[in-house]
């Protein structure tokens, strides 16, 4: 059976989430908008799911959490809602997820902030961008980078924005942060996540919306009144219940799960470095979530290496899952100062609580063997012409 080391792309649904969904599906038709008793039951189930799912979002009111189809839709709603103000300014970083970077790139007044070698947003550049325009402004930052696992100093960023532009809006893509770092949404207007990143079902996510945003921003989607009118449409009750089960399991075992994943990640990196002393861990000296390793294998094309590892039952990735099909160097790694050559040689490995110590040790052995085989076959490994 393959060893799955791509948890930042998606995770295996947990048994508790699967069972909760099956139980909900067996209840019968569930439309929370219906006036009859089945509708009332659906509303109760949805309310309970919202309460449970919101536990990982820190000290917030569950009513401020909106069900979406996932992080991409949540990011889209946040950005498009803000843009309805008219002439606006959007500030983001050079290392945002494509679900944020792509829609922002189409706007007229957008500012991209650089990052330092650690992968942290340059606060001086952010400060300058905030003072460069009087237009209504939104700052959008990914809490945890999906490729490197580097954690942004969100508290500092929020404080800086509030000090300079207290009326500005702050949007945080928390897809890789939920369940992996303690969250505090104080001062944040929008935050998004997907259930499938945390052993929940696909097709369901959460969008946190602050009172500040609700009071000042026009609605984006027209339709019925579900989800406070922010995301109208009949809610997916079974999926919401599955997400709530997965999120509850993580909330109840937060420290234990994260300590376990960090133990796996650290053992994996130690084993790799002992066998392949020339490799580098991108972002190694930065604060990182405990499940992610982005490894540069000098002289080896990452796509070729990933294919060879796949053939040896090791599943990993090159960059973000939403863009990894494209043979382009990682914008995140380039922004951190890596050369195109080194960016092309970097592979992401990400573990989950479903991985075991034995398969992590075996994976390190297999990866080392595959890399050595590349060296033996052509001397310099597989190269990419830039």
Protein backbone atom coordinates (compact mmCIF):
# COMPACT_ATOMS: atom_id res chain seq x y z
CA UNK A 1 0.00 0.00 0.00
CA UNK A 2 1.43 3.45 -0.90
CA UNK A 3 2.74 5.74 1.80
CA UNK A 4 0.73 8.93 1.54
CA UNK A 5 2.84 12.03 2.29
CA UNK A 6 0.63 14.69 0.71
CA UNK A 7 -1.67 15.68 3.56
CA UNK A 8 -1.47 19.38 2.68
CA UNK A 9 -3.27 18.52 -0.57
CA UNK A 10 -5.96 16.43 1.08
CA UNK A 11 -6.39 13.83 3.80
CA UNK A 12 -8.12 10.52 4.25
CA UNK A 13 -11.54 11.04 5.83
CA UNK A 14 -11.58 9.84 9.43
CA UNK A 15 -13.82 7.02 10.58
CA UNK A 16 -15.64 9.37 12.94
CA UNK A 17 -16.39 11.82 10.11
CA UNK A 18 -17.48 9.03 7.77
CA UNK A 19 -19.74 7.45 10.38
CA UNK A 20 -21.30 10.80 11.25
CA UNK A 21 -22.08 11.46 7.59
CA UNK A 22 -23.57 8.01 7.04
CA UNK A 23 -25.77 8.44 10.11
CA UNK A 24 -26.96 11.80 8.79
CA UNK A 25 -27.68 10.37 5.35
CA UNK A 26 -29.70 7.59 6.95
CA UNK A 27 -31.91 10.12 8.76
CA UNK A 28 -33.67 10.96 5.51
CA UNK A 29 -34.23 14.22 3.59
CA UNK A 30 -32.63 17.15 5.44
CA UNK A 31 -33.40 20.68 4.26
CA UNK A 32 -32.96 23.22 7.05
CA UNK A 33 -35.23 25.69 5.22
CA UNK A 34 -38.25 23.38 5.29
CA UNK A 35 -41.06 24.29 7.69
CA UNK A 36 -42.04 20.73 8.65
CA UNK A 37 -40.56 18.46 11.31
CA UNK A 38 -37.84 17.10 9.00
CA UNK A 39 -36.72 20.66 8.37
CA UNK A 40 -36.68 21.35 12.10
CA UNK A 41 -34.50 18.29 12.62
CA UNK A 42 -32.17 19.46 9.87
CA UNK A 43 -31.88 22.89 11.50
CA UNK A 44 -30.97 21.33 14.84
CA UNK A 45 -28.36 19.10 13.24
CA UNK A 46 -26.89 22.00 11.28
CA UNK A 47 -26.74 24.22 14.37
CA UNK A 48 -24.96 21.50 16.33
CA UNK A 49 -22.52 20.97 13.44
CA UNK A 50 -21.79 24.70 13.27
CA UNK A 51 -21.17 24.84 17.02
CA UNK A 52 -18.80 21.87 16.90
CA UNK A 53 -16.93 22.91 13.75
CA UNK A 54 -16.34 26.41 15.12
CA UNK A 55 -14.40 25.01 18.10
CA UNK A 56 -11.17 25.08 16.10
CA UNK A 57 -11.72 28.73 15.19
CA UNK A 58 -10.92 29.96 18.68
CA UNK A 59 -13.03 32.30 20.78
CA UNK A 60 -15.75 33.26 18.30
CA UNK A 61 -19.52 33.08 18.08
CA UNK A 62 -20.57 30.06 15.97
CA UNK A 63 -23.12 32.33 14.27
CA UNK A 64 -20.19 34.14 12.63
CA UNK A 65 -19.24 30.95 10.75
CA UNK A 66 -20.70 30.34 7.28
CA UNK A 67 -20.76 26.95 5.56
CA UNK A 68 -19.19 26.97 2.08
CA UNK A 69 -18.07 24.36 -0.43
CA UNK A 70 -14.45 24.84 0.70
CA UNK A 71 -11.56 27.24 1.06
CA UNK A 72 -11.49 28.37 -2.57
CA UNK A 73 -15.12 29.45 -2.51
CA UNK A 74 -14.67 31.09 0.88
CA UNK A 75 -11.69 33.08 -0.41
CA UNK A 76 -13.64 34.08 -3.51
CA UNK A 77 -16.62 35.27 -1.47
CA UNK A 78 -14.39 37.32 0.84
CA UNK A 79 -12.54 39.01 -2.03
CA UNK A 80 -15.57 39.62 -4.24
CA UNK A 81 -17.61 40.96 -1.33
CA UNK A 82 -14.91 43.51 -0.65
CA UNK A 83 -14.59 44.47 -4.32
CA UNK A 84 -18.26 45.45 -4.41
CA UNK A 85 -17.27 48.60 -2.56
CA UNK A 86 -16.07 49.92 -5.93
CA UNK A 87 -12.65 51.54 -6.28
CA UNK A 88 -10.51 49.61 -3.78
CA UNK A 89 -6.99 48.46 -2.98
CA UNK A 90 -6.05 44.83 -2.35
CA UNK A 91 -2.77 44.02 -0.61
CA UNK A 92 -1.45 40.47 -0.55
CA UNK A 93 1.90 38.70 -0.59
CA UNK A 94 3.91 37.03 -3.33
CA UNK A 95 3.31 33.60 -1.81
CA UNK A 96 -0.47 33.36 -1.64
CA UNK A 97 -2.41 30.27 -2.65
CA UNK A 98 -3.75 30.39 -6.24
CA UNK A 99 -7.32 30.67 -4.93
CA UNK A 100 -6.31 34.09 -3.59
CA UNK A 101 -3.51 35.11 -5.94
CA UNK A 102 -5.46 34.54 -9.15
CA UNK A 103 -8.58 36.61 -8.39
CA UNK A 104 -6.47 39.39 -6.85
CA UNK A 105 -4.26 39.51 -9.94
CA UNK A 106 -7.23 40.56 -12.06
CA UNK A 107 -7.99 43.65 -9.95
CA UNK A 108 -6.77 47.10 -10.89
CA UNK A 109 -5.26 48.29 -7.60
CA UNK A 110 -3.39 45.36 -6.13
CA UNK A 111 -0.09 45.42 -4.27
CA UNK A 112 2.11 42.36 -3.78
CA UNK A 113 4.29 42.37 -0.68
CA UNK A 114 7.59 40.50 -0.71
CA UNK A 115 8.74 37.96 1.86
CA UNK A 116 12.12 37.47 3.50
CA UNK A 117 14.30 34.37 3.40
CA UNK A 118 12.24 32.87 6.23
CA UNK A 119 9.09 33.19 4.16
CA UNK A 120 7.62 35.94 6.33
CA UNK A 121 5.81 38.94 4.90
CA UNK A 122 8.03 42.03 4.92
CA UNK A 123 6.26 44.27 7.42
CA UNK A 124 8.02 47.42 6.19
CA UNK A 125 6.62 46.89 2.71
CA UNK A 126 3.18 46.22 4.18
CA UNK A 127 3.37 49.44 6.17
CA UNK A 128 4.30 51.39 3.05
CA UNK A 129 1.45 49.85 1.07
CA UNK A 130 -1.06 50.71 3.77
CA UNK A 131 -0.04 54.37 3.70
CA UNK A 132 0.23 54.65 -0.09
CA UNK A 133 -3.49 54.90 -0.77
CA UNK A 134 -6.63 56.21 0.89
CA UNK A 135 -8.84 53.76 -1.01
CA UNK A 136 -10.83 51.17 0.93
CA UNK A 137 -8.26 48.45 1.59
CA UNK A 138 -8.18 44.74 2.22
CA UNK A 139 -5.07 42.82 3.31
CA UNK A 140 -5.06 39.12 2.40
CA UNK A 141 -2.49 36.75 3.94
CA UNK A 142 -2.19 32.98 4.15
CA UNK A 143 -1.74 32.02 7.80
CA UNK A 144 0.35 28.92 7.02
CA UNK A 145 2.03 28.48 3.67
CA UNK A 146 0.79 25.34 1.96
CA UNK A 147 4.16 24.53 0.38
CA UNK A 148 6.66 25.15 3.18
CA UNK A 149 4.47 25.07 6.29
CA UNK A 150 5.90 28.44 7.38
CA UNK A 151 3.64 30.25 9.85
CA UNK A 152 3.08 33.96 9.26
CA UNK A 153 3.26 36.33 12.27
CA UNK A 154 -0.46 36.99 12.01
CA UNK A 155 -0.73 38.82 15.32
CA UNK A 156 1.95 41.31 14.22
CA UNK A 157 0.37 41.73 10.81
CA UNK A 158 -3.09 42.37 12.24
CA UNK A 159 -1.71 44.86 14.78
CA UNK A 160 0.21 46.72 12.07
CA UNK A 161 -2.87 47.00 9.86
CA UNK A 162 -5.06 48.15 12.74
CA UNK A 163 -2.49 50.75 13.83
CA UNK A 164 -2.17 52.29 10.37
CA UNK A 165 -5.58 51.63 8.79
CA UNK A 166 -8.04 50.63 11.53
CA UNK A 167 -10.92 50.62 9.07
CA UNK A 168 -9.20 48.23 6.63
CA UNK A 169 -10.39 44.67 6.14
CA UNK A 170 -8.22 41.65 6.85
CA UNK A 171 -8.70 38.31 5.10
CA UNK A 172 -6.79 35.20 6.18
CA UNK A 173 -6.59 31.94 4.28
CA UNK A 174 -6.42 29.51 7.20
CA UNK A 175 -6.72 26.26 5.22
CA UNK A 176 -3.37 24.92 6.46
CA UNK A 177 -3.62 26.55 9.89
CA UNK A 178 -6.90 25.16 11.20
CA UNK A 179 -6.18 22.27 13.52
CA UNK A 180 -2.42 22.84 13.32
CA UNK A 181 -1.89 26.14 15.14
CA UNK A 182 -3.96 27.84 17.86
CA UNK A 183 -6.20 30.42 16.19
CA UNK A 184 -7.17 33.87 17.38
CA UNK A 185 -9.38 35.87 15.00
CA UNK A 186 -9.22 39.10 16.97
CA UNK A 187 -9.04 41.90 14.40
CA UNK A 188 -9.59 39.54 11.45
CA UNK A 189 -12.61 40.04 9.18
CA UNK A 190 -12.57 36.92 7.01
CA UNK A 191 -10.99 33.49 7.55
CA UNK A 192 -11.45 30.39 5.44
CA UNK A 193 -10.76 26.66 5.60
CA UNK A 194 -11.66 23.32 4.00
CA UNK A 195 -12.75 20.18 5.83
CA UNK A 196 -10.78 17.79 3.61
CA UNK A 197 -7.47 19.21 4.84
CA UNK A 198 -8.28 17.83 8.29
CA UNK A 199 -9.77 14.38 7.70
CA UNK A 200 -13.22 15.71 6.89
CA UNK A 201 -15.23 15.30 3.69
CA UNK A 202 -14.62 17.09 0.42
CA UNK A 203 -16.97 19.84 -0.74
CA UNK A 204 -17.48 21.58 2.62
CA UNK A 205 -15.64 24.38 4.38
CA UNK A 206 -16.06 27.36 6.67
CA UNK A 207 -15.93 31.10 6.19
CA UNK A 208 -15.62 33.26 9.30
CA UNK A 209 -17.07 36.76 8.85
CA UNK A 210 -16.66 39.46 11.49
CA UNK A 211 -19.41 41.87 12.53
CA UNK A 212 -17.17 44.66 11.18
CA UNK A 213 -17.36 43.09 7.70
CA UNK A 214 -21.08 42.29 7.85
CA UNK A 215 -21.97 45.84 8.86
CA UNK A 216 -19.82 47.61 6.27
CA UNK A 217 -19.73 45.38 3.19
CA UNK A 218 -22.50 44.77 0.67
CA UNK A 219 -23.61 41.21 0.02
CA UNK A 220 -21.96 39.40 -2.87
CA UNK A 221 -24.28 36.51 -3.71
CA UNK A 222 -27.96 37.07 -4.42
CA UNK A 223 -30.37 34.31 -3.54
CA UNK A 224 -32.29 33.00 -0.56
CA UNK A 225 -31.40 33.82 3.02
CA UNK A 226 -29.38 30.76 4.01
CA UNK A 227 -26.10 31.35 5.82
CA UNK A 228 -27.08 34.94 6.69
CA UNK A 229 -27.46 35.64 2.99
CA UNK A 230 -23.68 35.52 2.57
CA UNK A 231 -23.70 32.08 0.92
CA UNK A 232 -27.32 31.34 -0.03
CA UNK A 233 -28.41 27.88 -1.09
CA UNK A 234 -29.54 24.71 0.63
CA UNK A 235 -26.87 23.65 3.11
CA UNK A 236 -25.14 20.26 2.79
CA UNK A 237 -26.13 18.94 6.22
CA UNK A 238 -24.41 15.52 6.05
CA UNK A 239 -21.12 17.09 4.91
CA UNK A 240 -21.37 19.74 7.64
CA UNK A 241 -21.89 16.99 10.20
CA UNK A 242 -18.90 15.08 8.85
CA UNK A 243 -16.73 18.19 9.07
CA UNK A 244 -17.91 18.85 12.62
CA UNK A 245 -16.95 15.32 13.64
CA UNK A 246 -13.47 15.66 12.15
CA UNK A 247 -12.92 19.10 13.68
CA UNK A 248 -14.20 17.96 17.08
CA UNK A 249 -11.77 15.06 17.05
CA UNK A 250 -8.88 17.43 16.36
CA UNK A 251 -10.07 19.99 18.95
CA UNK A 252 -10.23 17.31 21.63
CA UNK A 253 -6.75 15.99 20.75
CA UNK A 254 -5.10 19.19 19.52
CA UNK A 255 -1.82 19.03 21.44
CA UNK A 256 -1.44 15.27 21.12
CA UNK A 257 -2.08 15.20 17.37
CA UNK A 258 0.23 18.09 16.58
CA UNK A 259 3.02 16.75 18.78
CA UNK A 260 2.72 13.38 17.03
CA UNK A 261 2.88 14.92 13.55
CA UNK A 262 5.90 17.00 14.51
CA UNK A 263 7.63 13.89 15.83
CA UNK A 264 7.02 12.20 12.47
CA UNK A 265 8.16 15.23 10.50
CA UNK A 266 11.33 15.70 12.57
CA UNK A 267 12.20 12.00 12.33
CA UNK A 268 11.65 12.13 8.57
CA UNK A 269 13.93 15.14 8.10
CA UNK A 270 16.61 13.71 10.40
CA UNK A 271 16.61 10.39 8.55
CA UNK A 272 16.79 12.09 5.15
CA UNK A 273 19.63 14.42 6.15
CA UNK A 274 21.63 11.56 7.61
CA UNK A 275 21.39 9.62 4.35
CA UNK A 276 21.51 12.57 1.93
CA UNK A 277 23.72 15.26 3.48
CA UNK A 278 23.42 17.57 0.46
CA UNK A 279 19.67 18.16 0.78
CA UNK A 280 18.22 21.34 2.26
CA UNK A 281 14.96 21.89 4.13
CA UNK A 282 13.31 25.03 2.77
CA UNK A 283 12.11 27.18 5.66
CA UNK A 284 13.84 24.94 8.20
CA UNK A 285 14.77 27.86 10.48
CA UNK A 286 11.32 29.46 10.33
CA UNK A 287 8.36 28.76 12.59
CA UNK A 288 6.57 25.91 10.79
CA UNK A 289 3.57 23.70 11.36
CA UNK A 290 4.66 20.28 12.51
CA UNK A 291 3.54 18.24 9.52
CA UNK A 292 5.31 19.85 6.54
CA UNK A 293 8.74 19.37 4.97
CA UNK A 294 9.77 21.12 1.76
CA UNK A 295 13.00 19.48 0.66
CA UNK A 296 15.46 20.64 -1.99
CA UNK A 297 17.31 17.77 -3.68
CA UNK A 298 20.11 19.62 -5.52
CA UNK A 299 20.56 18.42 -9.08
CA UNK A 300 17.31 16.44 -9.24
CA UNK A 301 14.23 17.59 -11.10
CA UNK A 302 11.34 17.46 -8.64
CA UNK A 303 8.74 16.23 -11.16
CA UNK A 304 10.98 13.35 -12.22
CA UNK A 305 11.71 12.53 -8.60
CA UNK A 306 8.02 12.60 -7.68
CA UNK A 307 7.25 10.22 -10.56
CA UNK A 308 10.01 7.86 -9.46
CA UNK A 309 8.79 7.97 -5.86
CA UNK A 310 5.23 7.33 -7.01
CA UNK A 311 6.48 4.22 -8.80
CA UNK A 312 7.99 3.19 -5.47
CA UNK A 313 4.74 3.81 -3.53
CA UNK A 314 5.72 7.16 -2.00
CA UNK A 315 3.14 9.86 -2.74
CA UNK A 316 4.28 13.48 -2.44
CA UNK A 317 3.96 16.73 -4.41
CA UNK A 318 5.57 19.68 -6.14
CA UNK A 319 4.16 22.98 -4.87
CA UNK A 320 0.49 23.66 -4.16
CA UNK A 321 -1.96 20.93 -5.16
CA UNK A 322 -4.02 23.56 -7.01
CA UNK A 323 -1.11 24.40 -9.30
CA UNK A 324 1.28 21.44 -9.04
CA UNK A 325 0.26 20.11 -12.44
CA UNK A 326 2.08 23.01 -14.06
CA UNK A 327 5.84 22.61 -14.66
CA UNK A 328 6.73 25.98 -13.19
CA UNK A 329 9.06 26.82 -10.31
CA UNK A 330 7.35 27.56 -7.03
CA UNK A 331 6.58 31.27 -6.62
CA UNK A 332 6.85 30.77 -2.88
CA UNK A 333 10.38 29.40 -3.04
CA UNK A 334 11.48 32.03 -5.56
CA UNK A 335 10.11 34.77 -3.29
CA UNK A 336 12.13 33.29 -0.41
CA UNK A 337 15.30 33.72 -2.46
CA UNK A 338 15.81 30.27 -3.97
CA UNK A 339 17.12 30.09 -7.51
CA UNK A 340 14.91 28.65 -10.25
CA UNK A 341 17.20 25.63 -10.31
CA UNK A 342 16.72 24.93 -6.60
CA UNK A 343 12.98 25.63 -6.80
CA UNK A 344 12.68 23.03 -9.57
CA UNK A 345 14.51 20.58 -7.30
CA UNK A 346 12.18 20.97 -4.30
CA UNK A 347 9.54 18.47 -3.20
CA UNK A 348 6.85 18.84 -0.54
CA UNK A 349 6.16 16.06 1.96
CA UNK A 350 3.30 16.49 4.44
CA UNK A 351 2.20 13.99 7.06
CA UNK A 352 -1.02 13.46 8.96
CA UNK A 353 -2.02 11.69 12.14
CA UNK A 354 -2.75 8.60 10.01
CA UNK A 355 0.92 8.12 9.17
CA UNK A 356 3.00 5.78 11.32
CA UNK A 357 6.57 5.95 12.55
CA UNK A 358 7.50 2.79 10.67
CA UNK A 359 6.26 4.05 7.31
CA UNK A 360 8.05 7.37 7.82
CA UNK A 361 11.33 5.52 8.42
CA UNK A 362 10.69 3.31 5.40
CA UNK A 363 9.80 6.34 3.27
CA UNK A 364 13.11 8.01 4.15
CA UNK A 365 14.93 4.83 3.11
CA UNK A 366 13.07 4.62 -0.20
CA UNK A 367 13.59 8.31 -1.01
CA UNK A 368 17.29 8.03 -0.27
CA UNK A 369 17.61 4.96 -2.46
CA UNK A 370 15.74 6.59 -5.36
CA UNK A 371 17.93 9.70 -5.18
CA UNK A 372 21.10 7.59 -5.10
CA UNK A 373 19.82 5.59 -8.08
CA UNK A 374 19.39 8.85 -9.99
CA UNK A 375 22.99 9.73 -9.19
CA UNK A 376 24.25 6.31 -10.25
CA UNK A 377 22.28 6.38 -13.50
CA UNK A 378 23.45 9.71 -14.88
CA UNK A 379 26.06 11.16 -12.56
CA UNK A 380 24.40 14.50 -11.86
CA UNK A 381 20.82 13.33 -11.38
CA UNK A 382 17.99 14.47 -13.59
CA UNK A 383 18.41 18.07 -14.66
CA UNK A 384 15.92 20.60 -15.97
CA UNK A 385 16.98 23.10 -18.60
CA UNK A 386 15.95 26.63 -17.62
